[in-house]
C-alpha atoms as a PDB file:
ATOM      1  CA  UNK A   1      14.765  12.260 -18.700  1.00  0.00           C
ATOM      2  CA  UNK A   2      16.291  15.928 -18.385  1.00  0.00           C
ATOM      3  CA  UNK A   3      17.624  16.436 -14.925  1.00  0.00           C
ATOM      4  CA  UNK A   4      16.083  19.843 -14.277  1.00  0.00           C
ATOM      5  CA  UNK A   5      12.373  17.944 -14.836  1.00  0.00           C
ATOM      6  CA  UNK A   6      13.017  15.091 -12.572  1.00  0.00           C
ATOM      7  CA  UNK A   7      13.136  16.837  -9.025  1.00  0.00           C
ATOM      8  CA  UNK A   8       9.876  18.615  -8.225  1.00  0.00           C
ATOM      9  CA  UNK A   9      10.605  19.664  -4.690  1.00  0.00           C
ATOM     10  CA  UNK A  10      12.075  18.560  -1.323  1.00  0.00           C
ATOM     11  CA  UNK A  11       9.139  16.776   1.505  1.00  0.00           C
ATOM     12  CA  UNK A  12       9.582  18.219   4.834  1.00  0.00           C
ATOM     13  CA  UNK A  13       7.769  16.093   7.001  1.00  0.00           C
ATOM     14  CA  UNK A  14       8.570  14.316  10.064  1.00  0.00           C
ATOM     15  CA  UNK A  15       9.647  11.165   8.701  1.00  0.00           C
ATOM     16  CA  UNK A  16      11.654  12.879   6.195  1.00  0.00           C
ATOM     17  CA  UNK A  17      13.390  14.762   9.006  1.00  0.00           C
ATOM     18  CA  UNK A  18      14.242  11.347  10.982  1.00  0.00           C
ATOM     19  CA  UNK A  19      15.405   9.995   8.071  1.00  0.00           C
ATOM     20  CA  UNK A  20      17.845  13.062   7.340  1.00  0.00           C
ATOM     21  CA  UNK A  21      19.783  11.889  10.555  1.00  0.00           C
ATOM     22  CA  UNK A  22      20.335   8.641   8.617  1.00  0.00           C
ATOM     23  CA  UNK A  23      21.677  10.671   5.686  1.00  0.00           C
ATOM     24  CA  UNK A  24      18.521   9.750   3.500  1.00  0.00           C
ATOM     25  CA  UNK A  25      16.494  12.545   1.971  1.00  0.00           C
ATOM     26  CA  UNK A  26      13.067  12.620   0.567  1.00  0.00           C
ATOM     27  CA  UNK A  27      12.412  14.407  -2.728  1.00  0.00           C
ATOM     28  CA  UNK A  28       9.301  14.738  -4.743  1.00  0.00           C
ATOM     29  CA  UNK A  29      10.102  13.631  -8.348  1.00  0.00           C
ATOM     30  CA  UNK A  30       8.442  13.367 -11.575  1.00  0.00           C
ATOM     31  CA  UNK A  31       6.145  10.130 -11.719  1.00  0.00           C
ATOM     32  CA  UNK A  32       7.823   8.715 -14.752  1.00  0.00           C
ATOM     33  CA  UNK A  33      11.483   9.110 -13.278  1.00  0.00           C
ATOM     34  CA  UNK A  34      13.214   5.973 -12.824  1.00  0.00           C
ATOM     35  CA  UNK A  35      15.817   5.244 -10.170  1.00  0.00           C
ATOM     36  CA  UNK A  36      18.618   5.956 -12.289  1.00  0.00           C
ATOM     37  CA  UNK A  37      17.065   9.180 -13.302  1.00  0.00           C
ATOM     38  CA  UNK A  38      16.747  10.540  -9.666  1.00  0.00           C
ATOM     39  CA  UNK A  39      20.499   9.383  -8.989  1.00  0.00           C
ATOM     40  CA  UNK A  40      21.849  11.446 -11.961  1.00  0.00           C
ATOM     41  CA  UNK A  41      19.604  14.503 -11.204  1.00  0.00           C
ATOM     42  CA  UNK A  42      20.647  14.534  -7.677  1.00  0.00           C
ATOM     43  CA  UNK A  43      24.260  14.303  -8.638  1.00  0.00           C
ATOM     44  CA  UNK A  44      24.088  17.154 -11.379  1.00  0.00           C
ATOM     45  CA  UNK A  45      21.745  19.600  -9.417  1.00  0.00           C
ATOM     46  CA  UNK A  46      23.285  19.490  -6.113  1.00  0.00           C
ATOM     47  CA  UNK A  47      26.759  17.787  -6.845  1.00  0.00           C
ATOM     48  CA  UNK A  48      26.746  14.842  -4.369  1.00  0.00           C
ATOM     49  CA  UNK A  49      27.155  11.124  -4.563  1.00  0.00           C
ATOM     50  CA  UNK A  50      24.381   9.099  -4.250  1.00  0.00           C
ATOM     51  CA  UNK A  51      24.376   5.757  -2.509  1.00  0.00           C
ATOM     52  CA  UNK A  52      20.992   4.324  -2.979  1.00  0.00           C
ATOM     53  CA  UNK A  53      17.327   5.524  -4.180  1.00  0.00           C
ATOM     54  CA  UNK A  54      14.102   3.923  -3.370  1.00  0.00           C
ATOM     55  CA  UNK A  55      11.111   5.412  -4.839  1.00  0.00           C
ATOM     56  CA  UNK A  56       7.310   5.138  -4.059  1.00  0.00           C
ATOM     57  CA  UNK A  57       4.153   6.334  -5.926  1.00  0.00           C
ATOM     58  CA  UNK A  58       1.603   7.719  -3.289  1.00  0.00           C
ATOM     59  CA  UNK A  59      -1.857   7.976  -4.081  1.00  0.00           C
ATOM     60  CA  UNK A  60      -3.505  11.117  -4.024  1.00  0.00           C
ATOM     61  CA  UNK A  61      -6.169  11.585  -1.236  1.00  0.00           C
ATOM     62  CA  UNK A  62      -9.919  11.810  -1.719  1.00  0.00           C
ATOM     63  CA  UNK A  63     -11.716  14.842  -0.028  1.00  0.00           C
ATOM     64  CA  UNK A  64     -15.470  15.413   0.068  1.00  0.00           C
ATOM     65  CA  UNK A  65     -16.022  19.396  -0.427  1.00  0.00           C
ATOM     66  CA  UNK A  66     -19.436  20.846   0.334  1.00  0.00           C
ATOM     67  CA  UNK A  67     -21.272  23.142  -2.062  1.00  0.00           C
ATOM     68  CA  UNK A  68     -24.721  24.339  -1.937  1.00  0.00           C
ATOM     69  CA  UNK A  69     -27.516  22.172  -0.344  1.00  0.00           C
ATOM     70  CA  UNK A  70     -29.389  21.603  -3.727  1.00  0.00           C
ATOM     71  CA  UNK A  71     -26.257  20.683  -5.568  1.00  0.00           C
ATOM     72  CA  UNK A  72     -24.715  18.568  -2.802  1.00  0.00           C
ATOM     73  CA  UNK A  73     -20.984  17.409  -1.811  1.00  0.00           C
ATOM     74  CA  UNK A  74     -18.446  16.450  -4.530  1.00  0.00           C
ATOM     75  CA  UNK A  75     -15.733  13.985  -4.220  1.00  0.00           C
ATOM     76  CA  UNK A  76     -12.526  15.631  -5.095  1.00  0.00           C
ATOM     77  CA  UNK A  77      -9.271  13.454  -5.695  1.00  0.00           C
ATOM     78  CA  UNK A  78      -5.348  14.979  -5.489  1.00  0.00           C
ATOM     79  CA  UNK A  79      -3.281  13.675  -7.899  1.00  0.00           C
ATOM     80  CA  UNK A  80      -0.955  11.023  -7.376  1.00  0.00           C
ATOM     81  CA  UNK A  81       2.766  11.836  -6.559  1.00  0.00           C
ATOM     82  CA  UNK A  82       6.216  10.051  -6.265  1.00  0.00           C
ATOM     83  CA  UNK A  83       8.585  10.098  -3.737  1.00  0.00           C
ATOM     84  CA  UNK A  84      12.276   9.085  -4.040  1.00  0.00           C
ATOM     85  CA  UNK A  85      14.135   8.624  -0.906  1.00  0.00           C
ATOM     86  CA  UNK A  86      18.056   9.221  -1.700  1.00  0.00           C
ATOM     87  CA  UNK A  87      20.772   8.242   0.633  1.00  0.00           C
ATOM     88  CA  UNK A  88      24.047   9.946   0.260  1.00  0.00           C
ATOM     89  CA  UNK A  89      27.469   9.634   0.832  1.00  0.00           C
ATOM     90  CA  UNK A  90      28.548   9.836   4.711  1.00  0.00           C
ATOM     91  CA  UNK A  91      29.256  13.606   5.423  1.00  0.00           C
ATOM     92  CA  UNK A  92      27.052  14.805   2.687  1.00  0.00           C
ATOM     93  CA  UNK A  93      23.969  16.899   2.611  1.00  0.00           C
ATOM     94  CA  UNK A  94      21.278  18.606   0.489  1.00  0.00           C
ATOM     95  CA  UNK A  95      20.718  22.208   1.278  1.00  0.00           C
ATOM     96  CA  UNK A  96      17.099  22.011   2.376  1.00  0.00           C
ATOM     97  CA  UNK A  97      17.657  19.180   4.640  1.00  0.00           C
ATOM     98  CA  UNK A  98      20.774  21.516   6.339  1.00  0.00           C
ATOM     99  CA  UNK A  99      18.052  24.138   6.625  1.00  0.00           C
ATOM    100  CA  UNK A 100      15.589  22.214   8.380  1.00  0.00           C
ATOM    101  CA  UNK A 101      18.327  20.769  11.345  1.00  0.00           C
ATOM    102  CA  UNK A 102      19.889  24.139  11.788  1.00  0.00           C
ATOM    103  CA  UNK A 103      16.167  25.506  12.261  1.00  0.00           C
ATOM    104  CA  UNK A 104      15.089  22.741  14.908  1.00  0.00           C
ATOM    105  CA  UNK A 105      18.571  23.337  16.726  1.00  0.00           C
ATOM    106  CA  UNK A 106      17.583  27.075  16.781  1.00  0.00           C
ATOM    107  CA  UNK A 107      14.334  26.425  18.351  1.00  0.00           C
ATOM    108  CA  UNK A 108      15.670  24.194  21.220  1.00  0.00           C
END
């Protein structure tokens, strides 16, 4: 798979920020991407050494949306997505994760 199509974005959740202290970074990746594809894409795009990749497919949540009284509510489902947790070599970081850590330090 092409490296520019593998990484869809970074995930900035509380869990992702906590894991970044352990040198593990969370990325949103294409559903068909394998662990090898993710490792290769991170190495080519960011120029860092990848030690380990863990992936998980998350189910899109369902929500009930209100419409008019006569039509009734509609159930809407968000699409499924895949997360990759990438462990980098000690001392290396991803640009987005560095931005988050500096913002949290400045807010203290």
